[in-house]
Protein backbone atom coordinates (compact mmCIF):
# COMPACT_ATOMS: atom_id res chain seq x y z
CA UNK A 1 -0.19 -0.06 -0.05
CA UNK A 2 1.30 3.11 -0.84
CA UNK A 3 0.15 7.27 -0.08
CA UNK A 4 0.06 9.65 -2.67
CA UNK A 5 -0.07 13.24 -2.58
CA UNK A 6 -3.25 13.75 -4.60
CA UNK A 7 -5.14 11.61 -2.43
CA UNK A 8 -4.89 14.73 0.31
CA UNK A 9 -5.98 17.14 -2.12
CA UNK A 10 -9.42 17.72 -0.05
CA UNK A 11 -7.56 17.13 3.33
CA UNK A 12 -5.38 20.14 2.25
CA UNK A 13 -8.30 22.28 0.75
CA UNK A 14 -10.12 21.86 4.21
CA UNK A 15 -7.53 22.33 6.56
CA UNK A 16 -4.69 23.93 4.77
CA UNK A 17 -2.82 27.26 4.87
CA UNK A 18 -0.40 28.53 2.42
CA UNK A 19 2.65 30.59 3.02
CA UNK A 20 4.87 32.31 1.18
CA UNK A 21 7.73 34.88 1.81
CA UNK A 22 11.23 34.77 3.73
CA UNK A 23 12.01 31.39 5.51
CA UNK A 24 11.96 32.62 9.19
CA UNK A 25 8.59 34.01 8.55
CA UNK A 26 7.15 30.90 6.55
CA UNK A 27 8.46 28.90 9.77
CA UNK A 28 6.46 31.23 12.00
CA UNK A 29 3.36 30.83 10.80
CA UNK A 30 4.37 27.00 10.53
CA UNK A 31 4.69 26.97 14.38
CA UNK A 32 1.60 28.85 14.96
CA UNK A 33 -0.36 26.66 13.36
CA UNK A 34 0.98 23.25 14.18
CA UNK A 35 3.86 23.21 16.11
CA UNK A 36 6.66 25.05 17.93
CA UNK A 37 9.06 25.13 15.08
CA UNK A 38 11.30 27.56 13.35
CA UNK A 39 12.58 27.44 9.80
CA UNK A 40 16.27 28.44 8.86
CA UNK A 41 17.78 28.35 5.20
CA UNK A 42 20.39 26.05 3.76
CA UNK A 43 20.94 28.26 0.89
CA UNK A 44 20.33 31.99 0.09
CA UNK A 45 18.40 33.53 2.85
CA UNK A 46 17.11 36.15 0.85
CA UNK A 47 14.86 33.52 -1.46
CA UNK A 48 11.56 33.25 -0.90
CA UNK A 49 9.35 30.22 0.20
CA UNK A 50 6.29 28.94 -0.15
CA UNK A 51 4.92 26.23 1.89
CA UNK A 52 1.72 24.45 2.77
CA UNK A 53 0.71 22.96 6.15
CA UNK A 54 -2.54 21.55 7.08
CA UNK A 55 -3.22 19.59 10.36
CA UNK A 56 -6.13 17.45 12.70
CA UNK A 57 -6.29 16.44 15.64
CA UNK A 58 -7.85 14.29 17.75
CA UNK A 59 -7.57 11.57 20.81
CA UNK A 60 -4.30 12.98 21.04
CA UNK A 61 -3.06 12.40 17.52
CA UNK A 62 -2.64 14.94 15.20
CA UNK A 63 -2.03 14.16 11.49
CA UNK A 64 -0.39 17.18 9.75
CA UNK A 65 0.83 17.36 6.10
CA UNK A 66 3.51 19.26 4.92
CA UNK A 67 5.02 20.48 1.67
CA UNK A 68 8.44 23.21 1.59
CA UNK A 69 9.60 24.09 -1.87
CA UNK A 70 13.48 24.95 -0.51
CA UNK A 71 16.16 23.99 0.97
CA UNK A 72 16.11 24.04 4.90
CA UNK A 73 16.44 22.79 8.09
CA UNK A 74 13.77 23.27 10.53
CA UNK A 75 14.68 23.18 14.37
CA UNK A 76 11.87 22.08 16.89
CA UNK A 77 11.25 24.26 20.05
CA UNK A 78 8.46 21.86 21.45
CA UNK A 79 9.00 21.62 25.18
CA UNK A 80 7.02 18.35 25.71
CA UNK A 81 8.66 15.56 23.41
CA UNK A 82 6.21 14.11 21.13
CA UNK A 83 6.70 10.68 18.85
CA UNK A 84 6.76 11.79 15.41
CA UNK A 85 6.14 8.98 12.87
CA UNK A 86 6.99 10.81 9.05
CA UNK A 87 6.24 9.17 5.41
CA UNK A 88 8.29 10.80 3.18
CA UNK A 89 5.87 11.55 -0.14
CA UNK A 90 8.00 13.53 -2.22
CA UNK A 91 12.07 14.84 -2.08
CA UNK A 92 15.02 14.43 0.72
CA UNK A 93 14.51 14.69 3.98
CA UNK A 94 16.62 13.54 6.86
CA UNK A 95 16.73 14.14 10.96
CA UNK A 96 18.62 14.89 14.09
CA UNK A 97 17.33 13.19 17.17
CA UNK A 98 18.41 14.42 20.25
CA UNK A 99 18.30 10.61 21.90
CA UNK A 100 18.81 9.05 18.58
CA UNK A 101 21.45 10.77 16.35
CA UNK A 102 21.15 11.16 13.03
CA UNK A 103 18.20 9.34 10.92
CA UNK A 104 17.79 9.07 7.57
CA UNK A 105 14.97 7.04 5.62
CA UNK A 106 15.23 6.15 1.56
CA UNK A 107 11.81 6.80 0.22
CA UNK A 108 12.17 4.79 -2.66
CA UNK A 109 12.67 1.93 -0.48
CA UNK A 110 9.51 2.75 1.31
CA UNK A 111 11.03 3.42 4.85
CA UNK A 112 9.09 6.13 7.28
CA UNK A 113 11.28 7.79 9.85
CA UNK A 114 10.65 7.37 13.85
CA UNK A 115 11.74 9.87 15.51
CA UNK A 116 11.30 11.97 19.12
CA UNK A 117 10.22 15.68 18.11
CA UNK A 118 12.01 17.14 21.28
CA UNK A 119 13.19 20.42 21.59
CA UNK A 120 16.54 21.03 19.38
CA UNK A 121 15.01 17.82 17.03
CA UNK A 122 16.39 18.89 13.55
CA UNK A 123 15.21 18.34 10.18
CA UNK A 124 16.98 18.43 6.87
CA UNK A 125 15.30 19.20 3.61
CA UNK A 126 15.98 19.86 0.05
CA UNK A 127 12.59 20.46 -0.48
CA UNK A 128 10.13 17.67 0.17
CA UNK A 129 6.48 16.85 1.54
CA UNK A 130 5.57 14.57 4.31
CA UNK A 131 2.89 13.64 6.42
CA UNK A 132 3.73 13.14 9.84
CA UNK A 133 1.63 11.34 12.93
CA UNK A 134 2.48 13.13 15.88
CA UNK A 135 1.68 11.98 19.90
CA UNK A 136 2.64 12.92 22.94
CA UNK A 137 5.05 10.74 23.94
CA UNK A 138 3.73 11.03 28.02
CA UNK A 139 0.57 9.40 26.62
CA UNK A 140 2.07 6.49 24.91
CA UNK A 141 4.02 6.00 27.80
CA UNK A 142 1.40 5.62 30.16
CA UNK A 143 -0.51 3.21 27.90
CA UNK A 144 2.83 1.21 27.40
CA UNK A 145 2.82 1.01 31.20
CA UNK A 146 -0.51 -0.32 31.17
CA UNK A 147 0.32 -2.95 28.06
CA UNK A 148 3.71 -3.79 30.11
CA UNK A 149 1.99 -4.07 33.74
CA UNK A 150 4.48 -0.71 35.05
CA UNK A 151 7.49 -1.79 34.38
CA UNK A 152 9.03 0.24 32.11
CA UNK A 153 12.09 1.63 34.13
CA UNK A 154 13.29 4.53 31.15
CA UNK A 155 12.09 5.81 28.48
CA UNK A 156 10.03 4.44 25.71
CA UNK A 157 12.19 4.37 22.42
CA UNK A 158 11.22 3.40 18.92
CA UNK A 159 13.34 1.76 16.09
CA UNK A 160 14.10 4.92 14.05
CA UNK A 161 12.98 3.28 10.94
CA UNK A 162 10.10 1.50 9.27
CA UNK A 163 9.53 -0.87 6.62
CA UNK A 164 6.21 0.46 5.01
CA UNK A 165 5.73 -3.20 2.83
CA UNK A 166 6.24 -5.02 6.20
CA UNK A 167 2.54 -6.18 7.77
CA UNK A 168 3.54 -3.35 10.29
CA UNK A 169 3.73 -0.55 7.85
CA UNK A 170 0.58 -1.54 5.75
CA UNK A 171 -1.30 -1.22 9.40
CA UNK A 172 -0.04 2.20 9.93
CA UNK A 173 -0.91 3.60 6.52
CA UNK A 174 -4.41 2.28 6.89
CA UNK A 175 -4.38 4.39 9.93
CA UNK A 176 -3.54 7.44 8.10
CA UNK A 177 -5.68 7.00 5.23
CA UNK A 178 -8.49 6.13 8.42
CA UNK A 179 -7.48 8.88 10.13
CA UNK A 180 -7.45 11.53 7.12
CA UNK A 181 -11.14 9.83 5.53
CA UNK A 182 -12.83 10.53 8.75
CA UNK A 183 -11.97 14.26 9.08
CA UNK A 184 -12.33 14.44 5.38
CA UNK A 185 -15.75 13.04 5.22
CA UNK A 186 -17.51 12.73 8.88
CA UNK A 187 -15.04 14.72 11.17
CA UNK A 188 -18.43 15.20 13.37
CA UNK A 189 -17.57 11.11 14.16
CA UNK A 190 -15.02 12.16 16.84
CA UNK A 191 -17.93 13.67 18.83
CA UNK A 192 -18.95 10.67 19.58
CA UNK A 193 -17.09 9.32 22.26
CA UNK A 194 -17.16 5.53 21.03
CA UNK A 195 -16.09 5.93 17.82
CA UNK A 196 -13.38 8.33 18.86
CA UNK A 197 -12.34 5.73 21.74
CA UNK A 198 -11.86 3.25 19.24
CA UNK A 199 -10.03 4.78 16.89
CA UNK A 200 -7.40 5.74 19.44
CA UNK A 201 -7.26 2.03 20.70
CA UNK A 202 -6.83 1.60 17.28
CA UNK A 203 -3.49 3.34 16.95
CA UNK A 204 -2.43 2.46 20.74
CA UNK A 205 -2.39 -1.32 19.38
CA UNK A 206 -0.64 -0.73 15.97
CA UNK A 207 2.46 1.83 18.11
CA UNK A 208 3.06 -0.03 20.78
CA UNK A 209 2.22 -3.38 20.18
CA UNK A 210 3.04 -3.35 16.64
CA UNK A 211 5.84 -1.27 16.15
CA UNK A 212 9.56 -2.45 17.25
CA UNK A 213 10.57 -0.26 20.10
CA UNK A 214 13.07 -0.51 23.15
CA UNK A 215 10.54 -3.12 25.31
CA UNK A 216 9.17 -5.00 22.58
CA UNK A 217 11.81 -8.22 23.83
CA UNK A 218 11.72 -7.22 27.23
CA UNK A 219 9.38 -9.97 28.60
CA UNK A 220 9.75 -12.68 25.61
CA UNK A 221 12.07 -15.10 28.27
CA UNK A 222 10.26 -18.66 27.52
CA UNK A 223 7.11 -18.14 29.72
CA UNK A 224 4.47 -15.65 27.82
CA UNK A 225 2.52 -13.05 29.30
CA UNK A 226 -1.20 -14.76 28.81
CA UNK A 227 -3.91 -14.31 30.29
CA UNK A 228 -6.19 -17.46 31.24
CA UNK A 229 -9.58 -18.29 29.60
CA UNK A 230 -11.52 -16.72 33.13
CA UNK A 231 -10.23 -13.77 32.60
CA UNK A 232 -11.13 -13.50 29.01
CA UNK A 233 -14.54 -14.04 30.13
CA UNK A 234 -14.18 -11.24 32.86
CA UNK A 235 -13.40 -9.00 29.63
CA UNK A 236 -16.14 -10.22 27.31
CA UNK A 237 -18.31 -9.93 30.18
CA UNK A 238 -17.41 -6.19 30.00
CA UNK A 239 -17.06 -5.39 26.89
CA UNK A 240 -21.00 -6.78 26.60
CA UNK A 241 -22.45 -4.69 29.35
CA UNK A 242 -20.57 -1.46 28.53
CA UNK A 243 -20.37 -1.91 24.63
CA UNK A 244 -22.65 1.08 24.03
CA UNK A 245 -19.83 2.79 25.49
CA UNK A 246 -16.29 4.17 24.89
CA UNK A 247 -13.80 1.02 25.97
CA UNK A 248 -10.05 1.02 25.88
CA UNK A 249 -8.15 -1.96 26.21
CA UNK A 250 -6.31 -0.48 29.57
CA UNK A 251 -9.91 -0.72 31.17
CA UNK A 252 -10.41 -4.58 29.95
CA UNK A 253 -7.47 -5.57 31.57
CA UNK A 254 -8.34 -3.62 34.62
CA UNK A 255 -11.65 -5.97 34.86
CA UNK A 256 -9.40 -8.66 33.86
CA UNK A 257 -6.90 -8.21 36.32
CA UNK A 258 -3.99 -8.34 33.85
CA UNK A 259 -1.65 -6.38 31.90
CA UNK A 260 -2.89 -5.52 28.57
CA UNK A 261 -0.06 -7.28 26.84
CA UNK A 262 -1.33 -10.61 28.80
CA UNK A 263 -5.02 -10.05 27.57
CA UNK A 264 -4.03 -9.49 23.87
CA UNK A 265 -2.21 -12.60 24.08
CA UNK A 266 -4.48 -14.80 26.14
CA UNK A 267 -7.49 -13.16 23.35
CA UNK A 268 -5.04 -14.31 20.08
CA UNK A 269 -4.52 -17.75 22.11
CA UNK A 270 -7.80 -18.84 23.11
CA UNK A 271 -10.15 -16.27 20.31
CA UNK A 272 -7.43 -16.19 17.81
CA UNK A 273 -8.77 -12.68 17.66
CA UNK A 274 -7.54 -9.22 19.29
CA UNK A 275 -9.71 -7.80 22.29
CA UNK A 276 -10.66 -5.40 19.81
CA UNK A 277 -11.83 -7.42 17.20
CA UNK A 278 -13.87 -9.18 19.62
CA UNK A 279 -15.58 -5.95 20.74
CA UNK A 280 -16.32 -5.15 17.19
CA UNK A 281 -18.02 -8.77 16.46
CA UNK A 282 -20.27 -7.67 19.87
CA UNK A 283 -21.32 -4.36 18.96
CA UNK A 284 -21.88 -6.53 15.32
CA UNK A 285 -24.07 -8.19 17.22
CA UNK A 286 -26.07 -5.29 19.37
CA UNK A 287 -26.41 -3.31 15.30
CA UNK A 288 -27.93 -7.21 14.15
CA UNK A 289 -30.64 -6.48 17.13
CA UNK A 290 -31.21 -2.87 16.77
CA UNK A 291 -31.93 -3.59 12.93
CA UNK A 292 -34.63 -6.00 13.74
CA UNK A 293 -35.92 -4.54 16.79
CA UNK A 294 -35.97 -0.69 16.16
CA UNK A 295 -37.02 1.90 13.09
CA UNK A 296 -33.70 4.05 13.07
CA UNK A 297 -31.65 4.21 10.06
CA UNK A 298 -28.43 1.71 9.10
CA UNK A 299 -26.69 5.25 9.19
CA UNK A 300 -27.69 5.89 13.11
CA UNK A 301 -27.46 2.41 14.28
CA UNK A 302 -23.97 2.04 12.61
CA UNK A 303 -23.03 5.11 14.39
CA UNK A 304 -24.33 4.15 17.62
CA UNK A 305 -22.24 1.32 17.66
CA UNK A 306 -18.99 2.66 16.64
CA UNK A 307 -19.00 2.45 13.33
CA UNK A 308 -18.26 5.91 11.66
CA UNK A 309 -17.62 4.48 8.33
CA UNK A 310 -20.64 2.76 6.75
CA UNK A 311 -18.63 1.01 3.90
CA UNK A 312 -16.79 -0.76 6.72
CA UNK A 313 -19.80 -1.25 8.50
CA UNK A 314 -21.34 -3.28 5.55
CA UNK A 315 -18.37 -5.17 4.94
CA UNK A 316 -17.57 -6.82 8.49
CA UNK A 317 -21.65 -7.10 8.69
CA UNK A 318 -21.90 -8.98 5.93
CA UNK A 319 -18.77 -11.14 6.74
CA UNK A 320 -20.44 -11.97 10.08
CA UNK A 321 -23.89 -12.60 9.05
CA UNK A 322 -23.81 -13.04 5.33
CA UNK A 323 -26.25 -10.61 4.46
CA UNK A 324 -25.80 -6.53 4.17
CA UNK A 325 -27.49 -4.43 6.94
CA UNK A 326 -30.25 -3.61 4.31
CA UNK A 327 -31.33 -7.17 4.11
CA UNK A 328 -31.57 -7.46 7.66
CA UNK A 329 -34.46 -5.61 8.21
CA UNK A 330 -36.37 -8.41 6.26
CA UNK A 331 -35.87 -10.29 8.89
CA UNK A 332 -38.50 -10.46 12.18
CA UNK A 333 -37.48 -10.09 16.13
CA UNK A 334 -36.89 -14.25 16.11
CA UNK A 335 -34.56 -14.02 13.15
CA UNK A 336 -37.57 -15.47 10.64
CA UNK A 337 -37.63 -14.00 6.97
CA UNK A 338 -40.95 -11.79 6.55
CA UNK A 339 -42.54 -12.35 3.07
CA UNK A 340 -42.45 -9.51 0.59
């Protein structure tokens, strides 16, 4: 899977700003609209620069599109450290991370860069267009503590490059497209706490559970951290009792009295699914009941149970029940087909 610049046309139209002038002035404007940032020229300081930026933030996650047309160095001025995953779409760019040193990812080889957007992080560009997925590092570390049962004794550090052709890379690209799609097609969906929490959980699961970092192999000592079936049942009972509410994996782990990692491993071993996939199935069951018992529209029911994209809802529903949601209207509450 790849992401094209053209696919962000509507995103730029809705959320973008274009600045032209001296590089320092353009950098200051971007700093006000995106993140604390200073731009310095790498060529003639009198050259005019043109930059376009577009950014949205929901559930502590920011998606930032940035397009520079001249060689420059960007210096981060942020006081709080952020996780930054950057996908370069065009041009050449590299980063000097205060903790990891120089990071260069080859766009032609499908590599993304992961670095700490901390004070004095420097990005060197010959002119480039890139996407940035930005999350406060404190937010990720708090969830990592839950994932690893509070056993973090040092800062969370991710591997500096990600091969986007791997399953983990595809998952990240799908999440970026999903996030962008929600904001360009149905931005109001983030007002639904079930949808908003579900998106955040998908992001955490893919970043903390899927990407390589300094805790990835910390507990692979031959004894897997796995939740036993009784705790799996506790988690599932909680899901069913609260299916219409925002649910996080952290909540489920607390209810099951185990770590997030044990819960994830337990569901994979005993259910052959992730906790989020099981929660989705439970919410599909609730949606099915609403379709046969109420007069609410398919759209209203989908949103009620956390499905912000009707196409995805229909796909998951048909995979589970062998019919489209609209066809379900032809069944009564006992599951019997109603004569036309």
